[in-house]
Amino acid sequence: MNELSINAMPTPSSSSQVWQVDFYQRPVCDRDGTPLWELCVVIPDRNFQTSAWCVRSEANPAWIAARFAEIGTPPAELHVFRPESLSLIKTAGQTIGTTTIATRRTIALKRYLQTRAADYIRIDGFNPDLARTYDPLAVGRPAPVPLDDGLHGDQWRFASLTPRDLEALLDRPLRFKSAPASLHPLTLGLASTAQIPGVVFDAGRRSLHLARWIDRQIPVAIDYIPGQPDGLVLEVGLADRWILATFNDTEVKTAGQLYRERRDTAQGLHFLLIRPDDSDMTYTGLWLLQPA
């Protein structure tokens, strides 16, 4: 059964700075009916992707490191979006001298996994029962957790900026800033008149403490969640979520709905701004965000 054998993985034409990697169970089983694990590697800047099957008894860092060696020269970084496989891949990366980065922004890999899922039905050992519930991008999502009292700011509000105003803000002195080139309005092709939504926290003396904490969490997105009450949920890291605020005020609810509409129109781009007060004199932290 060739599809389930462990074959040498093809080699890309040259080395790369980043490999996007996933290692997880698939809806394909061995002869004993045990789900197989699959290692998928995508190298975006080389337009390269490959995969290899692994029986459960050998699903360990040593096996992964051996497959990495077959691909070629190790990259500077391994990017992993799945919490369940992070530890295994990180240990394998240490074996080959490569740093592992936990990040949801593995666009090329996620596209490959979605395409790859359609291939499983043609592989010996395909399990239709497992396939019915299989989602190639699903990860465990814990319930959102309230912020500690010491992290709450004095006040907060929804806001919006044009691309020009946002770029000007990014040029201001900021203690903490995350603005990947891929999330800049120009890169996304947003119109100059676009309204990019965001959330602004005036945190007073806590601004530095709050900004430092948020930066360490690796913020990804802020979701407006309608409910009883409505809320703002900060998505961070690979799967963690924090409750930034809850509210019942009708005007704030309306602003939240507009925030969500503008975020959709701006290809998901939005921002989080932390400042001591509303004087517009000092800013502590700014993060460009986008669901991933």
Protein backbone atom coordinates (compact mmCIF):
# COMPACT_ATOMS: atom_id res chain seq x y z
CA MET A 1 0.00 0.00 0.00
CA ASN A 2 2.31 2.73 -1.33
CA GLU A 3 0.25 5.66 -0.05
CA LEU A 4 0.89 4.56 3.50
CA SER A 5 4.58 3.83 3.18
CA ILE A 6 7.21 6.28 4.37
CA ASN A 7 8.96 7.40 1.22
CA ALA A 8 11.72 9.94 0.75
CA MET A 9 10.27 13.42 0.51
CA PRO A 10 11.10 15.49 -2.58
CA THR A 11 13.66 18.24 -2.22
CA PRO A 12 13.03 21.91 -3.03
CA SER A 13 15.33 23.68 -5.48
CA SER A 14 17.10 25.69 -2.77
CA SER A 15 16.97 26.62 0.89
CA SER A 16 14.34 28.91 2.37
CA GLN A 17 13.90 31.12 5.40
CA VAL A 18 10.52 29.69 6.45
CA TRP A 19 8.81 26.30 6.31
CA GLN A 20 5.14 26.14 7.29
CA VAL A 21 4.54 22.78 8.97
CA ASP A 22 1.62 20.68 10.19
CA PHE A 23 1.66 17.22 11.80
CA TYR A 24 -1.65 15.69 12.77
CA GLN A 25 -4.03 12.75 12.44
CA ARG A 26 -6.04 12.44 9.22
CA PRO A 27 -9.17 10.47 8.23
CA VAL A 28 -6.94 7.70 6.84
CA CYS A 29 -6.18 4.52 8.82
CA ASP A 30 -3.60 1.76 8.79
CA ARG A 31 -4.53 -1.92 8.38
CA ASP A 32 -5.49 -2.10 12.06
CA GLY A 33 -7.92 0.78 11.73
CA THR A 34 -5.71 3.25 13.64
CA PRO A 35 -5.66 6.81 12.24
CA LEU A 36 -2.41 7.76 10.55
CA TRP A 37 -0.50 10.96 11.14
CA GLU A 38 0.61 13.11 8.22
CA LEU A 39 3.46 15.59 8.06
CA CYS A 40 2.81 18.45 5.64
CA VAL A 41 5.47 21.01 4.76
CA VAL A 42 4.91 24.08 2.60
CA ILE A 43 7.67 26.47 1.56
CA PRO A 44 5.83 29.55 0.32
CA ASP A 45 8.71 31.39 -1.35
CA ARG A 46 9.68 28.24 -3.32
CA ASN A 47 6.11 27.26 -4.25
CA PHE A 48 6.91 23.88 -2.73
CA GLN A 49 4.76 21.47 -0.75
CA THR A 50 5.13 17.87 0.31
CA SER A 51 3.72 15.33 2.76
CA ALA A 52 4.58 12.00 4.37
CA TRP A 53 2.52 9.45 6.32
CA CYS A 54 3.45 8.19 9.77
CA VAL A 55 2.00 5.36 11.88
CA ARG A 56 0.95 6.40 15.38
CA SER A 57 3.68 4.39 17.13
CA GLU A 58 6.35 6.45 15.32
CA ALA A 59 4.69 9.87 15.63
CA ASN A 60 7.48 11.58 17.51
CA PRO A 61 10.08 14.36 17.07
CA ALA A 62 12.76 11.97 15.83
CA TRP A 63 10.57 10.84 12.94
CA ILE A 64 9.72 14.44 12.07
CA ALA A 65 13.36 15.53 12.21
CA ALA A 66 14.32 12.68 9.88
CA ARG A 67 11.73 13.85 7.34
CA PHE A 68 13.00 17.41 7.65
CA ALA A 69 16.50 16.17 6.83
CA GLU A 70 15.15 14.53 3.67
CA ILE A 71 13.74 17.84 2.45
CA GLY A 72 17.08 19.61 2.49
CA THR A 73 18.86 22.53 4.15
CA PRO A 74 16.98 23.53 7.32
CA PRO A 75 15.23 26.90 7.23
CA ALA A 76 15.67 29.74 9.68
CA GLU A 77 12.16 29.18 11.06
CA LEU A 78 9.39 26.61 11.22
CA HIS A 79 5.91 28.15 11.41
CA VAL A 80 3.19 26.10 13.15
CA PHE A 81 -0.49 27.00 13.61
CA ARG A 82 -1.79 23.86 15.34
CA PRO A 83 -1.36 23.80 19.15
CA GLU A 84 -1.63 20.00 19.27
CA SER A 85 1.51 19.53 17.16
CA LEU A 86 3.57 22.51 18.33
CA SER A 87 5.60 20.66 20.95
CA LEU A 88 6.49 17.78 18.61
CA ILE A 89 7.58 20.09 15.80
CA LYS A 90 9.45 22.41 18.15
CA THR A 91 11.50 19.51 19.52
CA ALA A 92 12.19 18.27 15.98
CA GLY A 93 13.23 21.80 15.01
CA GLN A 94 15.72 21.92 17.86
CA THR A 95 17.25 18.72 16.52
CA ILE A 96 17.99 20.38 13.16
CA GLY A 97 18.93 23.73 14.72
CA THR A 98 15.84 25.64 13.66
CA THR A 99 13.59 28.00 15.61
CA THR A 100 9.88 27.19 15.76
CA ILE A 101 7.37 30.05 15.68
CA ALA A 102 3.77 29.59 16.84
CA THR A 103 1.60 31.64 14.49
CA ARG A 104 -1.85 31.47 12.96
CA ARG A 105 -0.57 33.24 9.84
CA THR A 106 0.33 30.20 7.76
CA ILE A 107 -1.79 31.04 4.74
CA ALA A 108 0.00 28.86 2.19
CA LEU A 109 -0.06 25.82 4.48
CA LYS A 110 -3.75 26.22 5.29
CA ARG A 111 -4.60 26.41 1.59
CA TYR A 112 -2.59 23.26 0.97
CA LEU A 113 -4.31 21.40 3.82
CA GLN A 114 -7.74 22.29 2.43
CA THR A 115 -6.73 21.06 -1.02
CA ARG A 116 -5.03 17.99 0.40
CA ALA A 117 -8.20 16.97 2.29
CA ALA A 118 -9.92 16.26 -1.02
CA ASP A 119 -7.22 13.68 -1.87
CA TYR A 120 -7.83 11.41 1.12
CA ILE A 121 -10.88 9.70 -0.39
CA ARG A 122 -8.60 8.19 -3.06
CA ILE A 123 -6.10 6.77 -0.54
CA ASP A 124 -6.22 3.21 0.75
CA GLY A 125 -7.35 3.33 4.34
CA PHE A 126 -9.69 6.30 3.89
CA ASN A 127 -12.27 6.30 6.71
CA PRO A 128 -15.56 8.00 5.73
CA ASP A 129 -16.76 8.10 9.34
CA LEU A 130 -13.69 10.09 10.40
CA ALA A 131 -13.95 12.23 7.28
CA ARG A 132 -17.44 13.43 8.18
CA THR A 133 -16.10 15.32 11.18
CA TYR A 134 -12.64 16.14 9.83
CA ASP A 135 -11.77 19.81 9.44
CA PRO A 136 -8.19 20.33 8.19
CA LEU A 137 -7.90 23.71 9.93
CA ALA A 138 -9.74 23.02 13.18
CA VAL A 139 -7.89 23.55 16.45
CA GLY A 140 -9.05 23.32 20.03
CA ARG A 141 -10.51 26.64 21.16
CA PRO A 142 -10.79 27.20 24.91
CA ALA A 143 -13.52 29.46 26.27
CA PRO A 144 -12.54 33.14 26.50
CA VAL A 145 -11.12 34.21 29.86
CA PRO A 146 -11.73 37.60 31.56
CA LEU A 147 -8.76 39.92 31.89
CA ASP A 148 -7.19 40.34 35.31
CA ASP A 149 -8.40 43.47 37.10
CA GLY A 150 -4.94 44.99 36.84
CA LEU A 151 -5.10 44.97 33.03
CA HIS A 152 -8.27 46.98 32.56
CA GLY A 153 -7.91 50.50 31.18
CA ASP A 154 -9.73 53.62 32.29
CA GLN A 155 -11.96 53.65 29.21
CA TRP A 156 -12.20 52.29 25.69
CA ARG A 157 -14.03 53.02 22.44
CA PHE A 158 -14.47 51.88 18.87
CA ALA A 159 -12.68 54.03 16.29
CA SER A 160 -11.77 54.13 12.62
CA LEU A 161 -8.91 55.57 10.55
CA THR A 162 -8.26 56.10 6.87
CA PRO A 163 -5.17 54.34 5.44
CA ARG A 164 -3.28 57.65 5.43
CA ASP A 165 -4.11 58.36 9.06
CA LEU A 166 -3.16 54.83 10.05
CA GLU A 167 0.21 55.10 8.29
CA ALA A 168 0.83 58.42 10.03
CA LEU A 169 0.05 56.82 13.37
CA LEU A 170 2.48 54.00 12.63
CA ASP A 171 5.21 56.63 12.15
CA ARG A 172 4.68 57.99 15.68
CA PRO A 173 7.01 56.93 18.51
CA LEU A 174 5.52 53.74 19.96
CA ARG A 175 6.88 51.56 22.75
CA PHE A 176 5.15 48.52 21.25
CA LYS A 177 4.23 48.09 17.59
CA SER A 178 3.32 45.19 15.32
CA ALA A 179 2.63 46.11 11.69
CA PRO A 180 3.63 43.32 9.28
CA ALA A 181 3.98 44.49 5.68
CA SER A 182 1.28 42.00 4.68
CA LEU A 183 -1.25 43.89 6.82
CA HIS A 184 -0.55 47.40 5.57
CA PRO A 185 -3.49 49.01 3.75
CA LEU A 186 -1.42 49.50 0.59
CA THR A 187 -0.46 45.83 0.50
CA LEU A 188 -4.12 44.85 0.86
CA GLY A 189 -5.11 47.26 -1.89
CA LEU A 190 -7.53 49.24 0.25
CA ALA A 191 -8.95 52.45 -1.16
CA SER A 192 -7.69 55.74 0.27
CA THR A 193 -11.21 56.44 1.52
CA ALA A 194 -11.54 53.13 3.36
CA GLN A 195 -12.46 53.24 7.04
CA ILE A 196 -10.21 50.84 8.94
CA PRO A 197 -11.86 50.00 12.27
CA GLY A 198 -10.15 49.59 15.58
CA VAL A 199 -10.42 49.60 19.34
CA VAL A 200 -8.71 52.27 21.45
CA PHE A 201 -7.91 51.81 25.14
CA ASP A 202 -7.03 54.78 27.33
CA ALA A 203 -5.30 52.98 30.16
CA GLY A 204 -3.75 55.78 32.18
CA ARG A 205 -0.92 54.60 34.41
CA ARG A 206 -1.67 51.03 33.36
CA SER A 207 -1.02 51.69 29.66
CA LEU A 208 2.55 50.39 29.68
CA HIS A 209 1.60 47.32 31.71
CA LEU A 210 -1.38 46.56 29.46
CA ALA A 211 0.58 47.10 26.23
CA ARG A 212 3.43 44.89 27.40
CA TRP A 213 1.00 42.10 28.33
CA ILE A 214 -0.85 42.30 25.00
CA ASP A 215 2.39 42.26 23.03
CA ARG A 216 3.53 39.11 24.83
CA GLN A 217 0.26 37.36 23.98
CA ILE A 218 0.80 37.88 20.22
CA PRO A 219 -2.56 39.47 19.34
CA VAL A 220 -4.32 38.23 16.21
CA ALA A 221 -7.80 39.77 16.09
CA ILE A 222 -10.53 41.47 18.11
CA ASP A 223 -14.01 40.02 17.63
CA TYR A 224 -17.26 41.80 18.43
CA ILE A 225 -19.60 39.13 19.87
CA PRO A 226 -23.32 39.98 20.13
CA GLY A 227 -25.05 38.43 23.12
CA GLN A 228 -26.40 39.07 26.59
CA PRO A 229 -24.24 41.05 27.17
CA ASP A 230 -22.28 41.91 24.01
CA GLY A 231 -18.53 41.61 24.25
CA LEU A 232 -15.12 42.17 22.75
CA VAL A 233 -12.91 39.10 22.57
CA LEU A 234 -9.17 39.32 21.89
CA GLU A 235 -7.78 36.35 19.92
CA VAL A 236 -4.13 35.70 20.76
CA GLY A 237 -1.43 33.12 20.14
CA LEU A 238 -2.64 29.94 18.45
CA ALA A 239 -6.03 29.52 20.10
CA ASP A 240 -6.34 31.53 23.32
CA ARG A 241 -9.05 34.15 23.84
CA TRP A 242 -9.49 36.95 26.35
CA ILE A 243 -12.56 39.04 27.16
CA LEU A 244 -11.57 42.69 26.73
CA ALA A 245 -14.96 44.19 27.60
CA THR A 246 -18.66 43.46 27.97
CA PHE A 247 -21.50 45.94 27.48
CA ASN A 248 -25.27 46.37 27.14
CA ASP A 249 -25.41 50.02 26.05
CA THR A 250 -27.44 50.41 22.84
CA GLU A 251 -25.12 53.02 21.30
CA VAL A 252 -22.06 50.87 21.97
CA LYS A 253 -23.83 47.86 20.42
CA THR A 254 -24.54 49.91 17.29
CA ALA A 255 -20.90 50.99 17.18
CA GLY A 256 -19.86 47.35 17.53
CA GLN A 257 -21.98 46.33 14.58
CA LEU A 258 -20.45 49.12 12.48
CA TYR A 259 -16.99 47.98 13.62
CA ARG A 260 -17.71 44.47 12.38
CA GLU A 261 -19.08 45.72 9.04
CA ARG A 262 -16.03 47.92 8.46
CA ARG A 263 -13.70 45.06 9.37
CA ASP A 264 -15.34 42.86 6.74
CA THR A 265 -15.08 45.64 4.13
CA ALA A 266 -11.39 46.19 4.95
CA GLN A 267 -10.49 42.52 4.27
CA GLY A 268 -10.43 41.87 7.99
CA LEU A 269 -7.85 44.57 8.73
CA HIS A 270 -8.33 46.37 12.05
CA PHE A 271 -6.16 47.78 14.82
CA LEU A 272 -5.69 47.91 18.57
CA LEU A 273 -4.32 51.12 20.07
CA ILE A 274 -3.19 51.56 23.69
CA ARG A 275 -2.49 55.05 25.00
CA PRO A 276 -2.31 56.74 28.42
CA ASP A 277 -5.17 59.17 27.69
CA ASP A 278 -7.12 60.85 24.91
CA SER A 279 -4.79 63.85 24.54
CA ASP A 280 -3.31 62.43 21.30
CA MET A 281 0.12 63.38 22.63
CA THR A 282 1.44 59.95 23.62
CA TYR A 283 0.82 56.44 22.32
CA THR A 284 2.01 53.25 23.99
CA GLY A 285 1.19 50.39 21.61
CA LEU A 286 -0.33 49.77 18.18
CA TRP A 287 -1.05 46.43 16.54
CA LEU A 288 -2.43 45.78 13.05
CA LEU A 289 -4.72 42.77 13.25
CA GLN A 290 -6.54 40.40 10.89
CA PRO A 291 -8.38 37.13 11.59
CA ALA A 292 -6.27 34.08 10.77
